[in-house]
């Protein structure tokens, strides 16, 4: 696990590696979906590339349902601090800049939307999307409202209308946003946007800059194959399934060795799972529960038994999956639910139970181990009467005190030796030793 944990910084470093386009014109990037750590790193890389390549402008096409608060703050900070003028365009028709997307649009040097798009609905909610208690909601609302107000003042936008997206969960069409001075422009597409931006004056790092966008070459910023893989892996359900499959294959290799194929494949799946964890809001309690479950699985398979450790391990593993994602203590903006679905947890529980049962059977068969029942271990043992059997009393046998009954029904006195002839649950049947 220590080796796998070390992959978190590696994942962060890999995703930030970007290919720099050769452009002195306009770089255009597009990210759809939730605002999360992956999208924040990609945007930071693209802005860095645009600056280093000498791009005069950067246009960001946006369509998002929202996302986590910390990733949004990172992206807003990168936009506000960018030395390259940035335009954010909510496009095409049907797109939205909901929740965290509202902050991204407001922070741009040029804010624009296409016909048929919306912006707003940024009221704080709990980590699971539930309503917050009044006191916590009030504090969180004031915090994010202050951030949006600061952004609006810096970009000379209507702070009152923007703050209503938080305090009243207001949402605006593109026409309403333009009329309320939330937007600068309405544009059908990037080409239309660039035509309208030509000659506009904006403040870039405290200096007034006149935008010259006419006739500039447009270069599309592409998501690299590595970034696409990490985006694909940033899925809580997929990560949980990879952990379950990887763990089963590792246990298979340990208890039924077979040329390291299962072990190598299992390690590979766990590596992919931890790369995905690096891009998701991980609750470490959930990860600890999963680890404890795997340890209990190992103990169950290592020592002969009848499922106690395996059952406890299964419960711990499934609870770990339930608590694995999302910080339940930190409220934020409305965002897609980041958790493992109940159906997936149920199917995984059944799969793990079947897999462990198979491993338990075949590992013992491979090693020639025969599991002896407790009953067969007790029957035939010689014990000593500790409380007179009349006909029921107490005997000491096989290192334990047992409730016992006399086979013949006759009384057997304290101190006499008896032989166990049968066992019914936790009650022994005994006779006098001859």
Protein backbone atom coordinates (compact mmCIF):
# COMPACT_ATOMS: atom_id res chain seq x y z
CA UNK A 1 0.00 0.00 0.00
CA UNK A 2 2.89 2.35 0.75
CA UNK A 3 4.14 1.97 -2.82
CA UNK A 4 0.65 2.61 -4.19
CA UNK A 5 0.20 5.71 -2.03
CA UNK A 6 3.37 7.12 -3.59
CA UNK A 7 1.55 7.19 -6.94
CA UNK A 8 -0.56 10.20 -5.89
CA UNK A 9 2.18 12.78 -6.55
CA UNK A 10 3.20 10.88 -9.69
CA UNK A 11 -0.36 11.16 -11.01
CA UNK A 12 -0.33 14.89 -10.30
CA UNK A 13 2.98 15.33 -12.09
CA UNK A 14 1.95 13.27 -15.11
CA UNK A 15 -1.31 15.11 -15.68
CA UNK A 16 0.44 18.50 -15.62
CA UNK A 17 2.75 17.51 -18.46
CA UNK A 18 1.37 19.30 -21.49
CA UNK A 19 2.30 19.52 -25.15
CA UNK A 20 2.86 23.15 -26.10
CA UNK A 21 1.15 24.25 -29.30
CA UNK A 22 3.04 26.44 -31.70
CA UNK A 23 0.87 29.55 -31.83
CA UNK A 24 1.18 33.32 -31.53
CA UNK A 25 -2.55 33.72 -32.05
CA UNK A 26 -5.48 32.34 -30.07
CA UNK A 27 -5.48 29.10 -28.12
CA UNK A 28 -8.90 27.49 -27.62
CA UNK A 29 -9.54 24.82 -25.00
CA UNK A 30 -12.71 22.96 -24.13
CA UNK A 31 -13.62 21.02 -21.00
CA UNK A 32 -17.04 19.48 -20.51
CA UNK A 33 -18.32 17.90 -17.32
CA UNK A 34 -17.68 18.48 -13.65
CA UNK A 35 -15.15 20.92 -12.23
CA UNK A 36 -12.68 18.61 -10.48
CA UNK A 37 -8.95 18.27 -9.80
CA UNK A 38 -8.33 16.80 -13.28
CA UNK A 39 -9.99 19.70 -15.11
CA UNK A 40 -8.21 22.19 -12.84
CA UNK A 41 -4.80 20.72 -13.72
CA UNK A 42 -5.60 20.61 -17.42
CA UNK A 43 -6.69 24.26 -17.45
CA UNK A 44 -3.56 25.31 -15.55
CA UNK A 45 -1.42 23.45 -18.08
CA UNK A 46 -3.18 25.04 -21.05
CA UNK A 47 -2.83 28.55 -19.62
CA UNK A 48 0.84 27.92 -18.99
CA UNK A 49 1.26 26.63 -22.55
CA UNK A 50 -0.54 29.67 -23.97
CA UNK A 51 1.77 32.03 -22.10
CA UNK A 52 4.98 30.16 -22.96
CA UNK A 53 3.99 29.80 -26.62
CA UNK A 54 3.28 33.53 -26.90
CA UNK A 55 -0.46 33.21 -27.54
CA UNK A 56 -2.18 36.59 -27.53
CA UNK A 57 -5.48 35.23 -26.21
CA UNK A 58 -6.97 32.11 -24.66
CA UNK A 59 -10.63 31.11 -25.15
CA UNK A 60 -12.19 28.51 -22.88
CA UNK A 61 -15.36 26.78 -24.04
CA UNK A 62 -17.45 25.69 -21.08
CA UNK A 63 -20.33 23.34 -20.31
CA UNK A 64 -20.45 22.21 -16.66
CA UNK A 65 -23.01 21.18 -14.03
CA UNK A 66 -20.64 22.42 -11.32
CA UNK A 67 -18.00 20.75 -9.21
CA UNK A 68 -15.99 20.83 -6.04
CA UNK A 69 -15.22 24.10 -4.33
CA UNK A 70 -11.44 23.72 -4.04
CA UNK A 71 -10.96 22.90 -7.74
CA UNK A 72 -13.13 25.89 -8.64
CA UNK A 73 -11.00 28.18 -6.46
CA UNK A 74 -7.83 26.91 -8.17
CA UNK A 75 -9.27 27.53 -11.63
CA UNK A 76 -10.56 31.00 -10.71
CA UNK A 77 -7.16 31.90 -9.29
CA UNK A 78 -5.40 30.77 -12.47
CA UNK A 79 -7.81 32.80 -14.64
CA UNK A 80 -7.51 35.94 -12.52
CA UNK A 81 -3.71 35.75 -12.44
CA UNK A 82 -3.24 34.91 -16.12
CA UNK A 83 -0.98 37.26 -18.10
CA UNK A 84 -2.84 36.11 -21.23
CA UNK A 85 -6.33 37.63 -21.72
CA UNK A 86 -8.94 34.89 -21.20
CA UNK A 87 -12.46 34.64 -22.63
CA UNK A 88 -14.88 32.04 -21.27
CA UNK A 89 -17.67 31.07 -23.66
CA UNK A 90 -20.60 28.91 -22.53
CA UNK A 91 -21.36 27.04 -25.73
CA UNK A 92 -23.00 25.39 -27.70
CA UNK A 93 -26.74 25.88 -27.25
CA UNK A 94 -28.04 23.76 -24.39
CA UNK A 95 -24.86 24.18 -22.36
CA UNK A 96 -24.73 25.63 -18.87
CA UNK A 97 -22.37 27.27 -16.42
CA UNK A 98 -24.05 26.03 -13.26
CA UNK A 99 -22.74 26.29 -9.73
CA UNK A 100 -18.91 26.42 -9.92
CA UNK A 101 -19.20 27.32 -13.62
CA UNK A 102 -20.72 30.67 -12.61
CA UNK A 103 -17.46 31.62 -10.91
CA UNK A 104 -15.39 30.63 -13.95
CA UNK A 105 -17.46 32.78 -16.29
CA UNK A 106 -17.42 35.76 -13.92
CA UNK A 107 -13.64 35.60 -13.47
CA UNK A 108 -12.83 35.76 -17.21
CA UNK A 109 -11.52 38.94 -18.83
CA UNK A 110 -14.33 38.47 -21.37
CA UNK A 111 -17.47 36.57 -20.34
CA UNK A 112 -19.70 35.29 -23.15
CA UNK A 113 -22.57 32.86 -23.71
CA UNK A 114 -24.21 31.35 -26.77
CA UNK A 115 -27.96 31.49 -27.41
CA UNK A 116 -29.87 28.82 -25.46
CA UNK A 117 -27.42 28.59 -22.54
CA UNK A 118 -27.80 29.30 -18.81
CA UNK A 119 -25.73 30.40 -15.82
CA UNK A 120 -26.27 30.33 -12.06
CA UNK A 121 -27.79 28.09 -9.33
CA UNK A 122 -24.77 28.22 -7.02
CA UNK A 123 -26.32 27.91 -3.53
CA UNK A 124 -24.11 25.94 -1.10
CA UNK A 125 -25.18 22.40 -0.22
CA UNK A 126 -23.80 19.51 1.83
CA UNK A 127 -21.21 17.11 0.46
CA UNK A 128 -23.98 14.71 -0.56
CA UNK A 129 -26.17 17.42 -2.10
CA UNK A 130 -28.43 17.71 0.96
CA UNK A 131 -29.61 20.95 2.58
CA UNK A 132 -27.20 22.37 5.16
CA UNK A 133 -28.10 23.28 8.75
CA UNK A 134 -28.96 26.97 9.00
CA UNK A 135 -25.79 28.10 10.81
CA UNK A 136 -23.39 26.22 8.53
CA UNK A 137 -25.33 27.28 5.43
CA UNK A 138 -25.18 30.93 6.50
CA UNK A 139 -21.40 30.79 7.03
CA UNK A 140 -20.73 28.94 3.78
CA UNK A 141 -23.05 31.22 1.82
CA UNK A 142 -21.28 34.31 3.11
CA UNK A 143 -17.89 32.82 2.25
CA UNK A 144 -18.66 31.92 -1.37
CA UNK A 145 -20.73 35.09 -1.84
CA UNK A 146 -17.74 37.17 -0.74
CA UNK A 147 -15.55 35.36 -3.28
CA UNK A 148 -18.04 35.93 -6.11
CA UNK A 149 -18.49 39.57 -5.08
CA UNK A 150 -14.73 40.07 -5.16
CA UNK A 151 -14.52 38.50 -8.63
CA UNK A 152 -17.40 40.66 -9.88
CA UNK A 153 -15.79 43.85 -8.59
CA UNK A 154 -12.45 42.94 -10.12
CA UNK A 155 -14.08 42.31 -13.52
CA UNK A 156 -16.60 45.18 -13.23
CA UNK A 157 -19.66 42.94 -13.31
CA UNK A 158 -23.04 43.17 -11.57
CA UNK A 159 -22.13 41.74 -8.17
CA UNK A 160 -25.71 41.92 -6.87
CA UNK A 161 -27.10 39.76 -9.68
CA UNK A 162 -24.21 37.30 -9.37
CA UNK A 163 -24.54 36.98 -5.60
CA UNK A 164 -28.23 36.12 -6.05
CA UNK A 165 -27.10 32.91 -7.79
CA UNK A 166 -25.79 31.94 -4.34
CA UNK A 167 -28.23 33.49 -1.88
CA UNK A 168 -31.38 32.79 -3.91
CA UNK A 169 -30.14 30.01 -6.24
CA UNK A 170 -31.01 32.28 -9.21
CA UNK A 171 -30.31 31.11 -12.73
CA UNK A 172 -30.22 33.30 -15.84
CA UNK A 173 -30.56 32.79 -19.57
CA UNK A 174 -27.91 34.30 -21.81
CA UNK A 175 -30.16 37.29 -22.62
CA UNK A 176 -30.91 37.93 -18.95
CA UNK A 177 -27.24 37.63 -18.02
CA UNK A 178 -26.28 40.15 -20.69
CA UNK A 179 -29.02 42.58 -19.62
CA UNK A 180 -27.93 42.28 -15.97
CA UNK A 181 -24.31 43.05 -16.89
CA UNK A 182 -23.06 39.60 -15.91
CA UNK A 183 -21.80 39.01 -19.44
CA UNK A 184 -19.82 41.06 -21.93
CA UNK A 185 -20.99 39.42 -25.14
CA UNK A 186 -23.37 36.98 -26.79
CA UNK A 187 -21.60 34.81 -29.36
CA UNK A 188 -22.69 31.89 -31.49
CA UNK A 189 -19.25 30.30 -31.55
CA UNK A 190 -15.55 31.04 -31.08
CA UNK A 191 -15.22 32.74 -34.48
CA UNK A 192 -18.12 35.07 -33.67
CA UNK A 193 -16.65 35.74 -30.24
CA UNK A 194 -13.25 36.72 -31.66
CA UNK A 195 -14.87 39.08 -34.16
CA UNK A 196 -16.74 40.84 -31.34
CA UNK A 197 -13.74 40.94 -29.00
CA UNK A 198 -11.57 42.83 -31.48
CA UNK A 199 -10.90 46.30 -30.07
CA UNK A 200 -12.28 45.62 -26.56
CA UNK A 201 -10.31 46.95 -23.61
CA UNK A 202 -9.76 44.71 -20.59
CA UNK A 203 -7.66 44.84 -17.42
CA UNK A 204 -4.87 42.23 -17.40
CA UNK A 205 -2.80 42.11 -14.21
CA UNK A 206 -3.66 45.73 -13.46
CA UNK A 207 -2.92 47.12 -16.93
CA UNK A 208 -5.47 48.09 -19.59
CA UNK A 209 -5.01 46.01 -22.74
CA UNK A 210 -6.73 46.50 -26.09
CA UNK A 211 -7.64 43.14 -27.59
CA UNK A 212 -6.62 42.54 -31.19
CA UNK A 213 -8.32 39.36 -32.32
CA UNK A 214 -8.94 40.03 -35.99
CA UNK A 215 -7.30 37.58 -38.38
CA UNK A 216 -5.44 35.63 -35.69
CA UNK A 217 -4.72 31.94 -36.16
CA UNK A 218 -6.71 29.65 -33.87
CA UNK A 219 -4.98 26.67 -32.24
CA UNK A 220 -7.01 24.03 -30.44
CA UNK A 221 -5.56 22.80 -27.14
CA UNK A 222 -6.00 19.05 -26.96
CA UNK A 223 -6.33 16.78 -23.97
CA UNK A 224 -3.38 14.39 -24.07
CA UNK A 225 -3.85 10.59 -24.03
CA UNK A 226 -2.52 10.47 -20.46
CA UNK A 227 -5.00 13.15 -19.40
CA UNK A 228 -7.84 11.28 -21.10
CA UNK A 229 -6.92 8.13 -19.18
CA UNK A 230 -6.87 10.04 -15.90
CA UNK A 231 -10.21 11.65 -16.72
CA UNK A 232 -11.61 8.18 -17.42
CA UNK A 233 -10.19 6.84 -14.15
CA UNK A 234 -11.66 9.73 -12.13
CA UNK A 235 -14.86 7.75 -11.68
CA UNK A 236 -15.76 6.55 -8.15
CA UNK A 237 -17.58 3.44 -9.34
CA UNK A 238 -14.74 2.40 -11.63
CA UNK A 239 -12.13 3.00 -8.92
CA UNK A 240 -14.03 0.87 -6.39
CA UNK A 241 -14.43 -1.97 -8.91
CA UNK A 242 -10.70 -1.81 -9.76
CA UNK A 243 -9.83 -2.05 -6.05
CA UNK A 244 -12.12 -5.07 -5.58
CA UNK A 245 -10.81 -6.91 -8.66
CA UNK A 246 -7.19 -6.06 -7.89
CA UNK A 247 -7.53 -7.27 -4.31
CA UNK A 248 -9.11 -10.59 -5.35
CA UNK A 249 -6.36 -11.21 -7.91
CA UNK A 250 -3.62 -10.43 -5.37
CA UNK A 251 -5.19 -12.86 -2.88
CA UNK A 252 -5.51 -15.44 -5.66
CA UNK A 253 -1.79 -15.15 -6.37
CA UNK A 254 -0.90 -15.45 -2.68
CA UNK A 255 -2.99 -18.52 -1.91
CA UNK A 256 -3.04 -20.29 -5.30
CA UNK A 257 0.30 -19.39 -6.96
CA UNK A 258 0.19 -19.63 -10.74
CA UNK A 259 3.08 -17.98 -12.51
CA UNK A 260 2.52 -14.42 -11.21
CA UNK A 261 -0.09 -13.63 -13.89
CA UNK A 262 -2.86 -12.97 -11.37
CA UNK A 263 -0.50 -11.04 -9.11
CA UNK A 264 0.81 -8.79 -11.87
CA UNK A 265 -2.69 -8.14 -13.22
CA UNK A 266 -4.00 -7.41 -9.72
CA UNK A 267 -1.15 -5.00 -9.00
CA UNK A 268 -1.85 -3.24 -12.30
CA UNK A 269 -5.53 -2.81 -11.44
CA UNK A 270 -4.64 -1.41 -8.01
CA UNK A 271 -2.21 1.05 -9.62
CA UNK A 272 -4.96 2.26 -11.94
CA UNK A 273 -7.32 2.56 -8.97
CA UNK A 274 -4.84 4.69 -7.03
CA UNK A 275 -4.26 6.91 -10.06
CA UNK A 276 -8.03 7.46 -10.10
CA UNK A 277 -8.06 8.17 -6.37
CA UNK A 278 -5.53 10.94 -6.99
CA UNK A 279 -8.19 12.84 -8.97
CA UNK A 280 -11.13 12.30 -6.60
CA UNK A 281 -12.14 13.68 -3.18
CA UNK A 282 -11.03 10.72 -1.07
CA UNK A 283 -12.30 10.13 2.45
CA UNK A 284 -9.41 8.44 4.22
CA UNK A 285 -11.73 6.69 6.68
CA UNK A 286 -13.17 4.78 3.74
CA UNK A 287 -9.71 3.82 2.53
CA UNK A 288 -8.77 2.57 6.01
CA UNK A 289 -11.94 0.45 6.18
CA UNK A 290 -11.14 -1.10 2.79
CA UNK A 291 -7.59 -1.86 3.96
CA UNK A 292 -8.91 -3.43 7.17
CA UNK A 293 -11.32 -5.53 5.12
CA UNK A 294 -8.50 -6.86 2.96
CA UNK A 295 -6.45 -7.76 6.04
CA UNK A 296 -9.41 -9.69 7.47
CA UNK A 297 -9.84 -11.49 4.14
CA UNK A 298 -6.18 -12.54 4.33
CA UNK A 299 -6.61 -13.81 7.90
CA UNK A 300 -9.72 -15.78 6.92
CA UNK A 301 -7.91 -17.48 4.04
CA UNK A 302 -4.71 -18.06 6.02
CA UNK A 303 -6.23 -19.85 9.01
CA UNK A 304 -8.90 -22.56 8.94
CA UNK A 305 -12.21 -21.22 10.14
CA UNK A 306 -15.88 -20.86 9.35
CA UNK A 307 -16.18 -17.36 7.97
CA UNK A 308 -16.06 -14.99 10.95
CA UNK A 309 -13.07 -13.01 9.71
CA UNK A 310 -14.35 -13.15 6.13
CA UNK A 311 -17.76 -11.77 7.15
CA UNK A 312 -16.16 -8.97 9.16
CA UNK A 313 -13.83 -8.23 6.24
CA UNK A 314 -16.74 -8.07 3.80
CA UNK A 315 -18.65 -5.63 6.01
CA UNK A 316 -15.56 -3.47 6.45
CA UNK A 317 -14.82 -3.51 2.71
CA UNK A 318 -18.37 -2.50 1.69
CA UNK A 319 -18.56 0.22 4.36
CA UNK A 320 -15.23 1.48 3.06
CA UNK A 321 -16.69 1.72 -0.43
CA UNK A 322 -19.69 3.63 0.93
CA UNK A 323 -17.52 6.19 2.75
CA UNK A 324 -14.65 6.23 0.22
CA UNK A 325 -15.49 9.43 -1.65
CA UNK A 326 -16.51 12.90 -0.59
CA UNK A 327 -15.68 14.91 2.51
CA UNK A 328 -18.85 14.62 4.57
CA UNK A 329 -17.75 17.45 6.87
CA UNK A 330 -17.18 20.15 4.24
CA UNK A 331 -20.08 21.89 2.50
CA UNK A 332 -19.66 23.22 -1.02
CA UNK A 333 -21.38 24.17 -4.24
CA UNK A 334 -23.94 21.99 -6.01
CA UNK A 335 -22.06 19.35 -7.97
CA UNK A 336 -22.51 15.87 -9.45
CA UNK A 337 -22.73 13.24 -6.72
CA UNK A 338 -19.30 11.64 -6.19
CA UNK A 339 -19.89 8.27 -4.56
CA UNK A 340 -20.20 4.55 -5.25
CA UNK A 341 -23.79 3.57 -6.08
CA UNK A 342 -25.72 1.23 -3.80
CA UNK A 343 -26.25 -1.22 -6.64
CA UNK A 344 -22.51 -1.43 -7.29
CA UNK A 345 -21.86 -1.99 -3.57
CA UNK A 346 -24.40 -4.83 -3.52
CA UNK A 347 -23.03 -6.53 -6.64
CA UNK A 348 -19.47 -6.12 -5.33
CA UNK A 349 -20.43 -7.68 -2.00
CA UNK A 350 -21.88 -10.72 -3.77
CA UNK A 351 -18.84 -10.97 -6.04
CA UNK A 352 -16.41 -10.72 -3.13
CA UNK A 353 -18.32 -13.37 -1.16
CA UNK A 354 -18.32 -15.79 -4.10
CA UNK A 355 -14.65 -15.11 -4.86
CA UNK A 356 -13.54 -15.60 -1.26
CA UNK A 357 -15.53 -18.82 -0.98
CA UNK A 358 -13.83 -20.11 -4.12
CA UNK A 359 -10.41 -19.02 -2.88
CA UNK A 360 -11.05 -20.61 0.51
CA UNK A 361 -11.94 -23.96 -1.09
CA UNK A 362 -9.33 -24.15 -3.81
CA UNK A 363 -6.47 -22.81 -1.70
CA UNK A 364 -7.02 -25.56 0.86
CA UNK A 365 -7.42 -28.16 -1.84
CA UNK A 366 -4.17 -27.00 -3.47
CA UNK A 367 -2.32 -27.19 -0.17
CA UNK A 368 -3.94 -30.46 0.92
CA UNK A 369 -5.57 -28.88 3.96
CA UNK A 370 -8.61 -30.54 5.48
CA UNK A 371 -10.65 -28.36 7.80
CA UNK A 372 -11.77 -30.28 10.87
CA UNK A 373 -15.04 -29.20 12.41
CA UNK A 374 -15.24 -28.14 16.05
CA UNK A 375 -17.65 -30.99 16.72
CA UNK A 376 -15.23 -33.62 15.44
CA UNK A 377 -12.50 -32.10 17.57
CA UNK A 378 -14.55 -32.30 20.77
CA UNK A 379 -16.19 -35.73 20.44
CA UNK A 380 -14.02 -38.40 22.08
CA UNK A 381 -12.23 -35.91 24.32
CA UNK A 382 -11.85 -36.78 27.99
CA UNK A 383 -13.02 -34.12 30.43
CA UNK A 384 -13.55 -33.55 34.14
CA UNK A 385 -16.82 -32.78 35.90
CA UNK A 386 -16.73 -29.32 37.51
CA UNK A 387 -20.38 -29.15 38.59
CA UNK A 388 -22.34 -32.33 39.32
CA UNK A 389 -24.35 -33.66 36.36
CA UNK A 390 -27.92 -34.22 37.60
CA UNK A 391 -28.20 -35.03 34.70
CA UNK A 392 -27.02 -31.55 33.51
CA UNK A 393 -24.00 -29.76 34.88
CA UNK A 394 -20.60 -28.43 33.81
CA UNK A 395 -17.50 -30.22 32.53
CA UNK A 396 -14.05 -29.04 31.53
CA UNK A 397 -12.94 -30.47 28.18
CA UNK A 398 -10.61 -29.40 25.34
CA UNK A 399 -9.45 -26.41 27.35
CA UNK A 400 -12.95 -24.95 27.89
CA UNK A 401 -15.89 -25.15 30.28
CA UNK A 402 -19.00 -26.69 28.71
CA UNK A 403 -22.59 -27.29 29.72
CA UNK A 404 -22.99 -31.07 29.60
CA UNK A 405 -25.62 -33.78 30.14
CA UNK A 406 -25.15 -37.33 31.29
CA UNK A 407 -25.80 -39.84 28.49
CA UNK A 408 -27.45 -42.36 30.82
CA UNK A 409 -29.25 -39.79 32.92
CA UNK A 410 -27.42 -40.91 36.05
CA UNK A 411 -25.71 -38.47 38.34
CA UNK A 412 -21.96 -37.95 37.83
CA UNK A 413 -20.08 -36.33 40.70
CA UNK A 414 -17.53 -33.48 40.65
CA UNK A 415 -14.00 -34.66 39.86
CA UNK A 416 -14.99 -37.71 37.88
CA UNK A 417 -13.63 -38.22 34.36
CA UNK A 418 -16.07 -38.29 31.45
CA UNK A 419 -15.88 -38.89 27.69
CA UNK A 420 -17.70 -36.62 25.21
CA UNK A 421 -20.03 -38.70 23.04
CA UNK A 422 -22.02 -36.02 21.22
CA UNK A 423 -22.37 -32.26 20.76
CA UNK A 424 -25.56 -30.27 20.17
CA UNK A 425 -24.66 -26.62 19.60
CA UNK A 426 -22.76 -25.70 22.77
CA UNK A 427 -24.12 -28.55 24.92
CA UNK A 428 -22.12 -31.78 25.27
CA UNK A 429 -23.37 -35.29 25.95
CA UNK A 430 -20.98 -37.30 28.11
CA UNK A 431 -20.58 -40.68 29.82
CA UNK A 432 -18.35 -41.88 32.63
CA UNK A 433 -14.87 -42.88 31.53
CA UNK A 434 -14.39 -46.64 31.91
